Amino acid sequence: MPCLSSRLPYPPAQYHIFVPCHPLPQLPCSSLSKLRGAMHDWAPAIIATALFALLCPGGILQLPGRQRTVDFMNLRTSCLSILVHAVIYAVLLMLFVVILQAHLYV
């Protein structure tokens, strides 16, 4: 079967869509039924979202603060506080997801 783009009345450059020359592979029915019944682990997404909300610099606390070591709810950040909060976020996320292996199947 020739490519669909070879039967177009105009050159393909005038169309701004991708026309594949070969059909996309189809999953067998047994694979689809396995995907529908699969349990998905929601713990990493929930933990990452909660940590992101709690560790936004300047929201609840800022470490290091502008006047003191820890400032509470000042809504001002610095590059150093963003870096410190990113490191704390990564360490806590690794702790919960990788080391403690928290799971929540829905």
C-alpha atoms as a PDB file:
ATOM      1  CA  MET A   1       0.000   0.000   0.000  1.00  0.00           C
ATOM      2  CA  PRO A   2       1.531   3.352  -0.974  1.00  0.00           C
ATOM      3  CA  CYS A   3       1.839   6.193   1.445  1.00  0.00           C
ATOM      4  CA  LEU A   4      -1.185   8.408   1.854  1.00  0.00           C
ATOM      5  CA  SER A   5       0.979  11.462   1.335  1.00  0.00           C
ATOM      6  CA  SER A   6       1.896  10.295  -2.206  1.00  0.00           C
ATOM      7  CA  ARG A   7      -1.784  10.509  -3.293  1.00  0.00           C
ATOM      8  CA  LEU A   8      -2.341  14.095  -2.117  1.00  0.00           C
ATOM      9  CA  PRO A   9      -3.291  16.632  -4.806  1.00  0.00           C
ATOM     10  CA  TYR A  10      -0.834  19.192  -3.402  1.00  0.00           C
ATOM     11  CA  PRO A  11       2.718  18.831  -2.122  1.00  0.00           C
ATOM     12  CA  PRO A  12       2.768  17.610   1.504  1.00  0.00           C
ATOM     13  CA  ALA A  13       4.540  20.801   2.622  1.00  0.00           C
ATOM     14  CA  GLN A  14       1.264  22.717   2.316  1.00  0.00           C
ATOM     15  CA  TYR A  15      -0.408  20.464   4.889  1.00  0.00           C
ATOM     16  CA  HIS A  16       0.548  21.032   8.507  1.00  0.00           C
ATOM     17  CA  ILE A  17      -0.301  17.545   9.730  1.00  0.00           C
ATOM     18  CA  PHE A  18       1.770  14.405   9.913  1.00  0.00           C
ATOM     19  CA  VAL A  19       0.458  11.581   7.746  1.00  0.00           C
ATOM     20  CA  PRO A  20       2.146   8.290   8.675  1.00  0.00           C
ATOM     21  CA  CYS A  21       3.062   5.961   5.819  1.00  0.00           C
ATOM     22  CA  HIS A  22       2.523   2.843   7.907  1.00  0.00           C
ATOM     23  CA  PRO A  23      -0.390   2.047  10.217  1.00  0.00           C
ATOM     24  CA  LEU A  24       0.278   2.355  13.919  1.00  0.00           C
ATOM     25  CA  PRO A  25       0.727  -0.957  15.758  1.00  0.00           C
ATOM     26  CA  GLN A  26      -2.355  -2.240  17.543  1.00  0.00           C
ATOM     27  CA  LEU A  27      -2.260  -3.821  20.990  1.00  0.00           C
ATOM     28  CA  PRO A  28      -3.753  -7.291  21.218  1.00  0.00           C
ATOM     29  CA  CYS A  29      -7.010  -7.623  23.173  1.00  0.00           C
ATOM     30  CA  SER A  30      -5.302  -9.527  25.990  1.00  0.00           C
ATOM     31  CA  SER A  31      -2.939  -6.591  26.631  1.00  0.00           C
ATOM     32  CA  LEU A  32      -5.840  -4.134  26.769  1.00  0.00           C
ATOM     33  CA  SER A  33      -7.705  -6.214  29.317  1.00  0.00           C
ATOM     34  CA  LYS A  34      -4.569  -6.380  31.475  1.00  0.00           C
ATOM     35  CA  LEU A  35      -4.203  -2.593  31.313  1.00  0.00           C
ATOM     36  CA  ARG A  36      -7.823  -1.998  32.319  1.00  0.00           C
ATOM     37  CA  GLY A  37      -7.580  -4.206  35.399  1.00  0.00           C
ATOM     38  CA  ALA A  38      -4.141  -3.006  36.493  1.00  0.00           C
ATOM     39  CA  MET A  39      -3.759  -1.267  39.827  1.00  0.00           C
ATOM     40  CA  HIS A  40      -1.863   1.984  39.632  1.00  0.00           C
ATOM     41  CA  ASP A  41       0.399   3.245  42.411  1.00  0.00           C
ATOM     42  CA  TRP A  42      -0.675   6.766  43.395  1.00  0.00           C
ATOM     43  CA  ALA A  43       1.697   7.210  46.361  1.00  0.00           C
ATOM     44  CA  PRO A  44       4.590   8.865  44.455  1.00  0.00           C
ATOM     45  CA  ALA A  45       2.286  11.434  42.838  1.00  0.00           C
ATOM     46  CA  ILE A  46       0.477  12.270  46.085  1.00  0.00           C
ATOM     47  CA  ILE A  47       3.700  12.459  48.116  1.00  0.00           C
ATOM     48  CA  ALA A  48       5.414  14.648  45.499  1.00  0.00           C
ATOM     49  CA  THR A  49       2.423  17.014  45.335  1.00  0.00           C
ATOM     50  CA  ALA A  50       2.129  17.299  49.130  1.00  0.00           C
ATOM     51  CA  LEU A  51       5.855  17.910  49.579  1.00  0.00           C
ATOM     52  CA  PHE A  52       5.837  20.515  46.817  1.00  0.00           C
ATOM     53  CA  ALA A  53       2.953  22.374  48.458  1.00  0.00           C
ATOM     54  CA  LEU A  54       4.527  22.234  51.912  1.00  0.00           C
ATOM     55  CA  LEU A  55       8.081  23.068  50.865  1.00  0.00           C
ATOM     56  CA  CYS A  56       7.456  26.083  48.633  1.00  0.00           C
ATOM     57  CA  PRO A  57       9.977  28.655  49.885  1.00  0.00           C
ATOM     58  CA  GLY A  58       8.227  31.551  51.569  1.00  0.00           C
ATOM     59  CA  GLY A  59       4.845  29.815  51.892  1.00  0.00           C
ATOM     60  CA  ILE A  60       4.925  28.233  55.335  1.00  0.00           C
ATOM     61  CA  LEU A  61       8.596  28.666  56.130  1.00  0.00           C
ATOM     62  CA  GLN A  62      11.737  29.844  54.424  1.00  0.00           C
ATOM     63  CA  LEU A  63      15.095  28.324  55.179  1.00  0.00           C
ATOM     64  CA  PRO A  64      17.410  30.383  55.232  1.00  0.00           C
ATOM     65  CA  GLY A  65      15.332  33.504  55.766  1.00  0.00           C
ATOM     66  CA  ARG A  66      16.252  37.093  54.992  1.00  0.00           C
ATOM     67  CA  GLN A  67      16.520  38.374  58.581  1.00  0.00           C
ATOM     68  CA  ARG A  68      16.740  35.104  60.561  1.00  0.00           C
ATOM     69  CA  THR A  69      17.735  31.518  59.903  1.00  0.00           C
ATOM     70  CA  VAL A  70      14.066  30.490  59.560  1.00  0.00           C
ATOM     71  CA  ASP A  71      11.356  32.941  58.471  1.00  0.00           C
ATOM     72  CA  PHE A  72       7.668  32.043  58.617  1.00  0.00           C
ATOM     73  CA  MET A  73       5.143  33.099  55.926  1.00  0.00           C
ATOM     74  CA  ASN A  74       7.009  36.064  54.486  1.00  0.00           C
ATOM     75  CA  LEU A  75       6.311  35.182  50.784  1.00  0.00           C
ATOM     76  CA  ARG A  76       9.795  36.362  49.761  1.00  0.00           C
ATOM     77  CA  THR A  77      12.428  34.018  48.411  1.00  0.00           C
ATOM     78  CA  SER A  78      16.069  34.100  47.483  1.00  0.00           C
ATOM     79  CA  CYS A  79      18.149  31.878  45.228  1.00  0.00           C
ATOM     80  CA  LEU A  80      19.781  30.239  48.245  1.00  0.00           C
ATOM     81  CA  SER A  81      16.404  29.407  49.844  1.00  0.00           C
ATOM     82  CA  ILE A  82      15.129  27.928  46.563  1.00  0.00           C
ATOM     83  CA  LEU A  83      18.226  25.730  46.375  1.00  0.00           C
ATOM     84  CA  VAL A  84      17.913  24.623  50.030  1.00  0.00           C
ATOM     85  CA  HIS A  85      14.208  23.805  49.617  1.00  0.00           C
ATOM     86  CA  ALA A  86      14.918  21.869  46.391  1.00  0.00           C
ATOM     87  CA  VAL A  87      17.544  19.741  48.163  1.00  0.00           C
ATOM     88  CA  ILE A  88      15.192  19.085  51.114  1.00  0.00           C
ATOM     89  CA  TYR A  89      12.384  18.208  48.655  1.00  0.00           C
ATOM     90  CA  ALA A  90      14.583  15.729  46.761  1.00  0.00           C
ATOM     91  CA  VAL A  91      15.853  14.072  49.956  1.00  0.00           C
ATOM     92  CA  LEU A  92      12.365  13.686  51.441  1.00  0.00           C
ATOM     93  CA  LEU A  93      10.934  12.415  48.146  1.00  0.00           C
ATOM     94  CA  MET A  94      13.695   9.794  47.910  1.00  0.00           C
ATOM     95  CA  LEU A  95      13.092   8.848  51.533  1.00  0.00           C
ATOM     96  CA  PHE A  96       9.360   8.270  51.109  1.00  0.00           C
ATOM     97  CA  VAL A  97       9.282   6.779  47.609  1.00  0.00           C
ATOM     98  CA  VAL A  98      12.558   4.871  47.267  1.00  0.00           C
ATOM     99  CA  ILE A  99      13.699   3.966  50.772  1.00  0.00           C
ATOM    100  CA  LEU A 100      10.386   3.512  52.616  1.00  0.00           C
ATOM    101  CA  GLN A 101       8.596   2.316  49.440  1.00  0.00           C
ATOM    102  CA  ALA A 102       5.237   3.916  50.216  1.00  0.00           C
ATOM    103  CA  HIS A 103       2.412   2.539  48.033  1.00  0.00           C
ATOM    104  CA  LEU A 104      -1.215   3.504  47.498  1.00  0.00           C
ATOM    105  CA  TYR A 105      -3.042   1.322  44.979  1.00  0.00           C
ATOM    106  CA  VAL A 106      -6.352   2.486  43.543  1.00  0.00           C
END
